[in-house]
Amino acid sequence: MLRDAAPELPQRRLKDDWSYIYWNNTALFSEEYQDMIYSVLVEISTKAFGADMTPYWRDRKKGRFFEKISKFCLLVDPLGNISGWTGYHRRIFGNAHCLYLDSSGVLPESQGGGLMGNIHARMIALECLAYAPRPVYLVARTESPVVYRLLRNGCGPGNIWPAPDTIVDKQISLIATDVAEWLGQSDKFDPGSLRILGAYDNLDALYGDLPSCGDRTIDAFFRKTLRPEDAYIVIAKAGLPRIAQQWAKREIKAVRAAQSQRLPWLASKLEGR
């Protein structure tokens, strides 16, 4: 459907014939094309989160989502069907260069393969490379331990806030305060904890069932401090060396997986067997 409307969409390959299409200029979308994508987003996000996401995307449309986002991506399965979405805003918050990671989701049957993580790793690595040697701060409003763990693993446990038993420093608090104002939720934001009370009060809850990342400490931290409609402004400091290493690991893993399907004996040698 989207390709019929715009056949020259930029596309990048992922593993196992998966791919993603992306835009850097969604402000140029016609109203008709926006409506087409919104209908897709409502359908796949409702399935991904297990809750009706119609009100959420209605509000995003009123807030001119496509006029503001810097990069927008759609995950495409091997049959050409849309299976997920993600994107980010390139902004200055607290006098720091930030990527605000917008909402992301993947259909339940397509989760667990690291596909969205691969897209994020590529996007973030390219941004860090362009801005090096200065740090890039990754920012997300989320109630998901899964998102938190991905950011912590990518940037390191000492480079993420909030964190259990860790004080939020002044720089991080300034970034988060600017983010809360940008989101229009300053009145709900606590700079000491980075928590937004009622962040999703336009919905019954963002998730039908709260996700779990499998790390007991992180899962407990989120469940004990957030209600279903609350969220954290999570901030992670991304350095190019670590981000590049994470990206390289994913790329090598994808290459080995592809080779194991075509040349099992070569894959065995690569793994040192």
C-alpha atoms as a PDB file:
ATOM      1  CA  MET A   1       0.000   0.000   0.000  1.00  0.00           C
ATOM      2  CA  LEU A   2       2.721   2.492   0.963  1.00  0.00           C
ATOM      3  CA  ARG A   3       4.885   1.472  -1.974  1.00  0.00           C
ATOM      4  CA  ASP A   4       1.997   2.060  -4.362  1.00  0.00           C
ATOM      5  CA  ALA A   5       1.812   5.652  -3.110  1.00  0.00           C
ATOM      6  CA  ALA A   6       5.595   6.175  -3.007  1.00  0.00           C
ATOM      7  CA  PRO A   7       7.455   3.485  -4.992  1.00  0.00           C
ATOM      8  CA  GLU A   8      10.940   5.017  -4.498  1.00  0.00           C
ATOM      9  CA  LEU A   9      11.091   4.615  -0.714  1.00  0.00           C
ATOM     10  CA  PRO A  10      14.653   4.291   0.686  1.00  0.00           C
ATOM     11  CA  GLN A  11      15.152   0.765   2.024  1.00  0.00           C
ATOM     12  CA  ARG A  12      17.826  -0.960   4.099  1.00  0.00           C
ATOM     13  CA  ARG A  13      18.240  -4.712   4.395  1.00  0.00           C
ATOM     14  CA  LEU A  14      18.215  -6.581   7.700  1.00  0.00           C
ATOM     15  CA  LYS A  15      18.671 -10.279   8.409  1.00  0.00           C
ATOM     16  CA  ASP A  16      16.594 -13.106   6.919  1.00  0.00           C
ATOM     17  CA  ASP A  17      15.093 -10.923   4.160  1.00  0.00           C
ATOM     18  CA  TRP A  18      13.676  -8.409   6.654  1.00  0.00           C
ATOM     19  CA  SER A  19      14.193  -4.742   5.884  1.00  0.00           C
ATOM     20  CA  TYR A  20      13.119  -1.269   6.893  1.00  0.00           C
ATOM     21  CA  ILE A  21      12.054   1.795   4.974  1.00  0.00           C
ATOM     22  CA  TYR A  22      12.763   5.276   6.283  1.00  0.00           C
ATOM     23  CA  TRP A  23      12.159   8.968   5.765  1.00  0.00           C
ATOM     24  CA  ASN A  24      14.135  12.044   6.824  1.00  0.00           C
ATOM     25  CA  ASN A  25      11.553  14.542   5.575  1.00  0.00           C
ATOM     26  CA  THR A  26       8.108  13.410   6.728  1.00  0.00           C
ATOM     27  CA  ALA A  27       7.046  17.060   6.952  1.00  0.00           C
ATOM     28  CA  LEU A  28       6.558  16.812   3.182  1.00  0.00           C
ATOM     29  CA  PHE A  29       3.928  14.064   3.502  1.00  0.00           C
ATOM     30  CA  SER A  30       0.570  14.930   1.995  1.00  0.00           C
ATOM     31  CA  GLU A  31      -2.431  14.734   4.306  1.00  0.00           C
ATOM     32  CA  GLU A  32      -3.675  11.700   2.382  1.00  0.00           C
ATOM     33  CA  TYR A  33      -0.337   9.907   2.805  1.00  0.00           C
ATOM     34  CA  GLN A  34      -0.245  10.767   6.514  1.00  0.00           C
ATOM     35  CA  ASP A  35      -3.718   9.303   6.990  1.00  0.00           C
ATOM     36  CA  MET A  36      -2.602   6.142   5.222  1.00  0.00           C
ATOM     37  CA  ILE A  37       0.361   5.686   7.578  1.00  0.00           C
ATOM     38  CA  TYR A  38      -1.671   6.610  10.672  1.00  0.00           C
ATOM     39  CA  SER A  39      -4.154   3.849   9.854  1.00  0.00           C
ATOM     40  CA  VAL A  40      -1.269   1.362   9.640  1.00  0.00           C
ATOM     41  CA  LEU A  41       0.195   2.625  12.932  1.00  0.00           C
ATOM     42  CA  VAL A  42      -3.111   2.284  14.762  1.00  0.00           C
ATOM     43  CA  GLU A  43      -3.500  -1.280  13.556  1.00  0.00           C
ATOM     44  CA  ILE A  44      -0.012  -2.561  14.345  1.00  0.00           C
ATOM     45  CA  SER A  45       0.430  -0.615  17.618  1.00  0.00           C
ATOM     46  CA  THR A  46      -2.894  -1.915  18.954  1.00  0.00           C
ATOM     47  CA  LYS A  47      -1.696  -5.452  18.280  1.00  0.00           C
ATOM     48  CA  ALA A  48       1.783  -4.718  19.652  1.00  0.00           C
ATOM     49  CA  PHE A  49       0.614  -3.171  22.947  1.00  0.00           C
ATOM     50  CA  GLY A  50      -2.614  -5.145  23.457  1.00  0.00           C
ATOM     51  CA  ALA A  51      -4.613  -1.921  23.966  1.00  0.00           C
ATOM     52  CA  ASP A  52      -6.608   0.333  21.633  1.00  0.00           C
ATOM     53  CA  MET A  53      -4.105   2.906  20.352  1.00  0.00           C
ATOM     54  CA  THR A  54      -6.609   4.968  18.362  1.00  0.00           C
ATOM     55  CA  PRO A  55      -6.701   7.810  20.957  1.00  0.00           C
ATOM     56  CA  TYR A  56      -2.904   7.838  21.158  1.00  0.00           C
ATOM     57  CA  TRP A  57      -2.368   8.325  17.428  1.00  0.00           C
ATOM     58  CA  ARG A  58      -5.262  10.784  17.243  1.00  0.00           C
ATOM     59  CA  ASP A  59      -3.398  12.945  19.750  1.00  0.00           C
ATOM     60  CA  ARG A  60      -0.101  12.502  17.888  1.00  0.00           C
ATOM     61  CA  LYS A  61      -1.779  13.654  14.689  1.00  0.00           C
ATOM     62  CA  LYS A  62      -3.162  16.750  16.442  1.00  0.00           C
ATOM     63  CA  GLY A  63       0.375  17.429  17.675  1.00  0.00           C
ATOM     64  CA  ARG A  64       1.673  17.323  14.052  1.00  0.00           C
ATOM     65  CA  PHE A  65       3.791  14.219  14.572  1.00  0.00           C
ATOM     66  CA  PHE A  66       5.026  13.959  10.980  1.00  0.00           C
ATOM     67  CA  GLU A  67       5.938  17.645  10.818  1.00  0.00           C
ATOM     68  CA  LYS A  68       8.256  17.305  13.810  1.00  0.00           C
ATOM     69  CA  ILE A  69       9.977  13.911  13.715  1.00  0.00           C
ATOM     70  CA  SER A  70      13.524  13.884  12.275  1.00  0.00           C
ATOM     71  CA  LYS A  71      13.652  10.258  11.126  1.00  0.00           C
ATOM     72  CA  PHE A  72      10.817   7.747  10.787  1.00  0.00           C
ATOM     73  CA  CYS A  73      11.156   4.034   9.987  1.00  0.00           C
ATOM     74  CA  LEU A  74       8.828   1.142   9.261  1.00  0.00           C
ATOM     75  CA  LEU A  75       9.910  -2.475   9.719  1.00  0.00           C
ATOM     76  CA  VAL A  76       9.027  -4.695   6.745  1.00  0.00           C
ATOM     77  CA  ASP A  77       8.752  -8.483   6.886  1.00  0.00           C
ATOM     78  CA  PRO A  78      10.009 -10.807   4.081  1.00  0.00           C
ATOM     79  CA  LEU A  79       6.553 -10.729   2.451  1.00  0.00           C
ATOM     80  CA  GLY A  80       6.477  -6.937   2.322  1.00  0.00           C
ATOM     81  CA  ASN A  81       4.080  -6.408   5.236  1.00  0.00           C
ATOM     82  CA  ILE A  82       4.586  -3.618   7.803  1.00  0.00           C
ATOM     83  CA  SER A  83       5.456  -5.210  11.156  1.00  0.00           C
ATOM     84  CA  GLY A  84       6.742  -2.331  13.273  1.00  0.00           C
ATOM     85  CA  TRP A  85       7.727   1.324  13.475  1.00  0.00           C
ATOM     86  CA  THR A  86      10.213   3.630  15.175  1.00  0.00           C
ATOM     87  CA  GLY A  87      11.787   7.062  14.818  1.00  0.00           C
ATOM     88  CA  TYR A  88      13.553   9.885  16.608  1.00  0.00           C
ATOM     89  CA  HIS A  89      13.680  13.659  17.036  1.00  0.00           C
ATOM     90  CA  ARG A  90      17.048  15.421  16.855  1.00  0.00           C
ATOM     91  CA  ARG A  91      16.851  18.151  19.520  1.00  0.00           C
ATOM     92  CA  ILE A  92      18.849  20.295  21.948  1.00  0.00           C
ATOM     93  CA  PHE A  93      17.714  19.677  25.525  1.00  0.00           C
ATOM     94  CA  GLY A  94      19.590  21.071  28.523  1.00  0.00           C
ATOM     95  CA  ASN A  95      22.221  22.487  26.120  1.00  0.00           C
ATOM     96  CA  ALA A  96      23.044  18.913  25.029  1.00  0.00           C
ATOM     97  CA  HIS A  97      22.734  17.155  21.664  1.00  0.00           C
ATOM     98  CA  CYS A  98      19.898  14.648  22.107  1.00  0.00           C
ATOM     99  CA  LEU A  99      17.979  12.056  20.172  1.00  0.00           C
ATOM    100  CA  TYR A 100      14.491  11.727  21.550  1.00  0.00           C
ATOM    101  CA  LEU A 101      13.489   8.163  20.699  1.00  0.00           C
ATOM    102  CA  ASP A 102       9.839   8.283  19.775  1.00  0.00           C
ATOM    103  CA  SER A 103       7.356   5.461  20.225  1.00  0.00           C
ATOM    104  CA  SER A 104       8.375   2.094  18.796  1.00  0.00           C
ATOM    105  CA  GLY A 105       6.657  -1.226  18.482  1.00  0.00           C
ATOM    106  CA  VAL A 106       6.754  -4.592  16.739  1.00  0.00           C
ATOM    107  CA  LEU A 107       3.937  -7.052  16.108  1.00  0.00           C
ATOM    108  CA  PRO A 108       3.944  -9.858  18.726  1.00  0.00           C
ATOM    109  CA  GLU A 109       4.739 -12.560  16.174  1.00  0.00           C
ATOM    110  CA  SER A 110       7.786 -10.583  14.992  1.00  0.00           C
ATOM    111  CA  GLN A 111       9.263  -9.802  18.406  1.00  0.00           C
ATOM    112  CA  GLY A 112      12.337 -11.362  19.958  1.00  0.00           C
ATOM    113  CA  GLY A 113      14.590 -11.412  16.903  1.00  0.00           C
ATOM    114  CA  GLY A 114      16.481  -8.201  17.583  1.00  0.00           C
ATOM    115  CA  LEU A 115      15.170  -6.533  14.434  1.00  0.00           C
ATOM    116  CA  MET A 116      14.188  -3.230  16.031  1.00  0.00           C
ATOM    117  CA  GLY A 117      17.379  -3.232  18.067  1.00  0.00           C
ATOM    118  CA  ASN A 118      19.325  -3.511  14.813  1.00  0.00           C
ATOM    119  CA  ILE A 119      17.526  -0.497  13.353  1.00  0.00           C
ATOM    120  CA  HIS A 120      18.155   1.535  16.509  1.00  0.00           C
ATOM    121  CA  ALA A 121      21.825   0.535  16.596  1.00  0.00           C
ATOM    122  CA  ARG A 122      22.338   1.723  13.026  1.00  0.00           C
ATOM    123  CA  MET A 123      20.531   5.017  13.545  1.00  0.00           C
ATOM    124  CA  ILE A 124      22.329   5.831  16.783  1.00  0.00           C
ATOM    125  CA  ALA A 125      25.777   4.815  15.507  1.00  0.00           C
ATOM    126  CA  LEU A 126      25.439   7.101  12.491  1.00  0.00           C
ATOM    127  CA  GLU A 127      24.320   9.990  14.704  1.00  0.00           C
ATOM    128  CA  CYS A 128      27.204   9.453  17.141  1.00  0.00           C
ATOM    129  CA  LEU A 129      29.654   9.290  14.248  1.00  0.00           C
ATOM    130  CA  ALA A 130      28.367  12.567  12.808  1.00  0.00           C
ATOM    131  CA  TYR A 131      28.577  14.335  16.182  1.00  0.00           C
ATOM    132  CA  ALA A 132      31.830  12.809  17.527  1.00  0.00           C
ATOM    133  CA  PRO A 133      33.762  13.351  19.715  1.00  0.00           C
ATOM    134  CA  ARG A 134      30.956  15.053  21.655  1.00  0.00           C
ATOM    135  CA  PRO A 135      28.475  12.758  23.432  1.00  0.00           C
ATOM    136  CA  VAL A 136      24.941  12.158  22.232  1.00  0.00           C
ATOM    137  CA  TYR A 137      22.196  11.716  24.815  1.00  0.00           C
ATOM    138  CA  LEU A 138      19.449   9.216  24.029  1.00  0.00           C
ATOM    139  CA  VAL A 139      16.111  10.156  25.549  1.00  0.00           C
ATOM    140  CA  ALA A 140      12.868   8.212  25.818  1.00  0.00           C
ATOM    141  CA  ARG A 141       9.608   8.619  27.680  1.00  0.00           C
ATOM    142  CA  THR A 142       8.770   5.070  28.630  1.00  0.00           C
ATOM    143  CA  GLU A 143       7.263   2.735  31.174  1.00  0.00           C
ATOM    144  CA  SER A 144       8.898  -0.276  29.559  1.00  0.00           C
ATOM    145  CA  PRO A 145      11.734  -2.159  31.293  1.00  0.00           C
ATOM    146  CA  VAL A 146      12.568  -3.594  27.855  1.00  0.00           C
ATOM    147  CA  VAL A 147      13.372  -0.153  26.425  1.00  0.00           C
ATOM    148  CA  TYR A 148      15.362   0.695  29.547  1.00  0.00           C
ATOM    149  CA  ARG A 149      17.440  -2.483  29.344  1.00  0.00           C
ATOM    150  CA  LEU A 150      18.212  -1.920  25.656  1.00  0.00           C
ATOM    151  CA  LEU A 151      19.497   1.582  26.411  1.00  0.00           C
ATOM    152  CA  ARG A 152      21.485   0.382  29.413  1.00  0.00           C
ATOM    153  CA  ASN A 153      23.079  -2.459  27.473  1.00  0.00           C
ATOM    154  CA  GLY A 154      23.906  -0.157  24.584  1.00  0.00           C
ATOM    155  CA  CYS A 155      25.371   2.721  26.604  1.00  0.00           C
ATOM    156  CA  GLY A 156      26.576   0.987  29.765  1.00  0.00           C
ATOM    157  CA  PRO A 157      25.058   0.699  33.275  1.00  0.00           C
ATOM    158  CA  GLY A 158      26.907   3.799  34.477  1.00  0.00           C
ATOM    159  CA  ASN A 159      25.481   5.967  31.688  1.00  0.00           C
ATOM    160  CA  ILE A 160      21.729   5.706  32.238  1.00  0.00           C
ATOM    161  CA  TRP A 161      19.250   7.591  34.419  1.00  0.00           C
ATOM    162  CA  PRO A 162      17.163   7.056  36.462  1.00  0.00           C
ATOM    163  CA  ALA A 163      18.790   4.059  38.109  1.00  0.00           C
ATOM    164  CA  PRO A 164      18.079   2.339  41.434  1.00  0.00           C
ATOM    165  CA  ASP A 165      19.929   4.015  44.339  1.00  0.00           C
ATOM    166  CA  THR A 166      21.498   6.593  42.002  1.00  0.00           C
ATOM    167  CA  ILE A 167      21.125  10.378  42.319  1.00  0.00           C
ATOM    168  CA  VAL A 168      20.197  12.247  39.152  1.00  0.00           C
ATOM    169  CA  ASP A 169      22.947  14.812  38.425  1.00  0.00           C
ATOM    170  CA  LYS A 170      22.300  18.403  37.368  1.00  0.00           C
ATOM    171  CA  GLN A 171      23.015  17.939  33.635  1.00  0.00           C
ATOM    172  CA  ILE A 172      20.588  15.024  33.366  1.00  0.00           C
ATOM    173  CA  SER A 173      17.930  16.878  35.344  1.00  0.00           C
ATOM    174  CA  LEU A 174      18.225  19.877  32.997  1.00  0.00           C
ATOM    175  CA  ILE A 175      17.824  17.653  29.946  1.00  0.00           C
ATOM    176  CA  ALA A 176      14.795  15.892  31.408  1.00  0.00           C
ATOM    177  CA  THR A 177      13.168  19.166  32.482  1.00  0.00           C
ATOM    178  CA  ASP A 178      13.448  20.523  28.937  1.00  0.00           C
ATOM    179  CA  VAL A 179      12.052  17.253  27.571  1.00  0.00           C
ATOM    180  CA  ALA A 180       9.052  17.393  29.922  1.00  0.00           C
ATOM    181  CA  GLU A 181       8.329  20.963  28.821  1.00  0.00           C
ATOM    182  CA  TRP A 182       8.662  19.964  25.149  1.00  0.00           C
ATOM    183  CA  LEU A 183       6.199  17.126  25.768  1.00  0.00           C
ATOM    184  CA  GLY A 184       3.778  19.531  27.443  1.00  0.00           C
ATOM    185  CA  GLN A 185       3.981  17.598  30.710  1.00  0.00           C
ATOM    186  CA  SER A 186       6.001  19.897  32.971  1.00  0.00           C
ATOM    187  CA  ASP A 187       3.170  19.974  35.505  1.00  0.00           C
ATOM    188  CA  LYS A 188       3.352  16.183  35.836  1.00  0.00           C
ATOM    189  CA  PHE A 189       7.144  15.882  35.947  1.00  0.00           C
ATOM    190  CA  ASP A 190       9.342  15.280  39.009  1.00  0.00           C
ATOM    191  CA  PRO A 191      12.977  16.270  38.231  1.00  0.00           C
ATOM    192  CA  GLY A 192      14.316  14.329  41.214  1.00  0.00           C
ATOM    193  CA  SER A 193      13.018  10.960  40.051  1.00  0.00           C
ATOM    194  CA  LEU A 194      12.581  11.741  36.306  1.00  0.00           C
ATOM    195  CA  ARG A 195       9.050  10.384  36.642  1.00  0.00           C
ATOM    196  CA  ILE A 196       5.995  11.739  34.791  1.00  0.00           C
ATOM    197  CA  LEU A 197       2.829  11.004  36.755  1.00  0.00           C
ATOM    198  CA  GLY A 198      -0.054  10.393  34.371  1.00  0.00           C
ATOM    199  CA  ALA A 199       2.121  10.473  31.253  1.00  0.00           C
ATOM    200  CA  TYR A 200      -0.437   8.317  29.439  1.00  0.00           C
ATOM    201  CA  ASP A 201      -3.610   9.455  31.179  1.00  0.00           C
ATOM    202  CA  ASN A 202      -5.284   9.814  27.772  1.00  0.00           C
ATOM    203  CA  LEU A 203      -5.257   5.995  27.690  1.00  0.00           C
ATOM    204  CA  ASP A 204      -6.418   3.392  30.189  1.00  0.00           C
ATOM    205  CA  ALA A 205      -2.803   2.190  30.067  1.00  0.00           C
ATOM    206  CA  LEU A 206      -0.181   2.030  27.347  1.00  0.00           C
ATOM    207  CA  TYR A 207       0.152  -1.765  27.605  1.00  0.00           C
ATOM    208  CA  GLY A 208      -2.488  -4.419  28.099  1.00  0.00           C
ATOM    209  CA  ASP A 209       0.107  -6.351  30.107  1.00  0.00           C
ATOM    210  CA  LEU A 210       3.238  -4.614  31.363  1.00  0.00           C
ATOM    211  CA  PRO A 211       6.323  -5.953  29.578  1.00  0.00           C
ATOM    212  CA  SER A 212       9.179  -7.644  31.371  1.00  0.00           C
ATOM    213  CA  CYS A 213      12.819  -7.461  30.324  1.00  0.00           C
ATOM    214  CA  GLY A 214      13.916 -10.517  32.318  1.00  0.00           C
ATOM    215  CA  ASP A 215      16.255  -8.574  34.587  1.00  0.00           C
ATOM    216  CA  ARG A 216      14.733  -8.841  38.072  1.00  0.00           C
ATOM    217  CA  THR A 217      16.278  -5.613  39.338  1.00  0.00           C
ATOM    218  CA  ILE A 218      15.027  -3.530  36.408  1.00  0.00           C
ATOM    219  CA  ASP A 219      11.589  -5.164  36.338  1.00  0.00           C
ATOM    220  CA  ALA A 220      11.148  -4.589  40.078  1.00  0.00           C
ATOM    221  CA  PHE A 221      12.339  -0.978  39.790  1.00  0.00           C
ATOM    222  CA  PHE A 222       9.666  -0.184  37.208  1.00  0.00           C
ATOM    223  CA  ARG A 223       6.848  -2.091  38.870  1.00  0.00           C
ATOM    224  CA  LYS A 224       7.458  -0.572  42.298  1.00  0.00           C
ATOM    225  CA  THR A 225       7.740   3.027  41.136  1.00  0.00           C
ATOM    226  CA  LEU A 226       5.337   3.392  38.196  1.00  0.00           C
ATOM    227  CA  ARG A 227       1.600   3.043  37.841  1.00  0.00           C
ATOM    228  CA  PRO A 228       0.252   1.782  34.477  1.00  0.00           C
ATOM    229  CA  GLU A 229      -0.293   5.356  33.223  1.00  0.00           C
ATOM    230  CA  ASP A 230       3.055   6.731  34.484  1.00  0.00           C
ATOM    231  CA  ALA A 231       6.422   6.868  32.720  1.00  0.00           C
ATOM    232  CA  TYR A 232      10.052   7.806  33.197  1.00  0.00           C
ATOM    233  CA  ILE A 233      12.078  10.171  31.089  1.00  0.00           C
ATOM    234  CA  VAL A 234      15.001   7.813  30.571  1.00  0.00           C
ATOM    235  CA  ILE A 235      18.317   9.357  29.507  1.00  0.00           C
ATOM    236  CA  ALA A 236      21.393   7.438  28.336  1.00  0.00           C
ATOM    237  CA  LYS A 237      24.757   8.938  27.423  1.00  0.00           C
ATOM    238  CA  ALA A 238      26.000   7.377  24.196  1.00  0.00           C
ATOM    239  CA  GLY A 239      29.694   7.356  23.326  1.00  0.00           C
ATOM    240  CA  LEU A 240      30.848   6.473  19.822  1.00  0.00           C
ATOM    241  CA  PRO A 241      33.305   3.653  20.728  1.00  0.00           C
ATOM    242  CA  ARG A 242      30.757   1.606  22.682  1.00  0.00           C
ATOM    243  CA  ILE A 243      27.889   2.287  20.262  1.00  0.00           C
ATOM    244  CA  ALA A 244      30.067   1.350  17.275  1.00  0.00           C
ATOM    245  CA  GLN A 245      31.097  -1.855  19.051  1.00  0.00           C
ATOM    246  CA  GLN A 246      27.462  -2.757  19.722  1.00  0.00           C
ATOM    247  CA  TRP A 247      26.568  -2.083  16.098  1.00  0.00           C
ATOM    248  CA  ALA A 248      29.499  -4.166  14.854  1.00  0.00           C
ATOM    249  CA  LYS A 249      28.474  -7.104  17.055  1.00  0.00           C
ATOM    250  CA  ARG A 250      24.973  -7.030  15.580  1.00  0.00           C
ATOM    251  CA  GLU A 251      26.287  -6.814  12.020  1.00  0.00           C
ATOM    252  CA  ILE A 252      28.721  -9.704  12.540  1.00  0.00           C
ATOM    253  CA  LYS A 253      25.995 -11.804  14.111  1.00  0.00           C
ATOM    254  CA  ALA A 254      23.693 -11.114  11.154  1.00  0.00           C
ATOM    255  CA  VAL A 255      26.429 -12.037   8.652  1.00  0.00           C
ATOM    256  CA  ARG A 256      27.164 -15.294  10.482  1.00  0.00           C
ATOM    257  CA  ALA A 257      23.470 -16.169  10.580  1.00  0.00           C
ATOM    258  CA  ALA A 258      23.175 -15.606   6.825  1.00  0.00           C
ATOM    259  CA  GLN A 259      26.312 -17.644   6.135  1.00  0.00           C
ATOM    260  CA  SER A 260      25.121 -20.513   8.322  1.00  0.00           C
ATOM    261  CA  GLN A 261      22.045 -20.809   6.128  1.00  0.00           C
ATOM    262  CA  ARG A 262      24.042 -20.822   2.872  1.00  0.00           C
ATOM    263  CA  LEU A 263      27.406 -22.306   3.926  1.00  0.00           C
ATOM    264  CA  PRO A 264      27.172 -24.266   7.215  1.00  0.00           C
ATOM    265  CA  TRP A 265      30.817 -25.387   7.044  1.00  0.00           C
ATOM    266  CA  LEU A 266      32.042 -21.749   6.733  1.00  0.00           C
ATOM    267  CA  ALA A 267      29.895 -20.597   9.653  1.00  0.00           C
ATOM    268  CA  SER A 268      31.463 -23.346  11.780  1.00  0.00           C
ATOM    269  CA  LYS A 269      34.939 -22.063  10.965  1.00  0.00           C
ATOM    270  CA  LEU A 270      33.964 -18.489  11.798  1.00  0.00           C
ATOM    271  CA  GLU A 271      32.742 -19.645  15.214  1.00  0.00           C
ATOM    272  CA  GLY A 272      36.009 -21.492  15.801  1.00  0.00           C
ATOM    273  CA  ARG A 273      34.629 -24.996  15.735  1.00  0.00           C
END
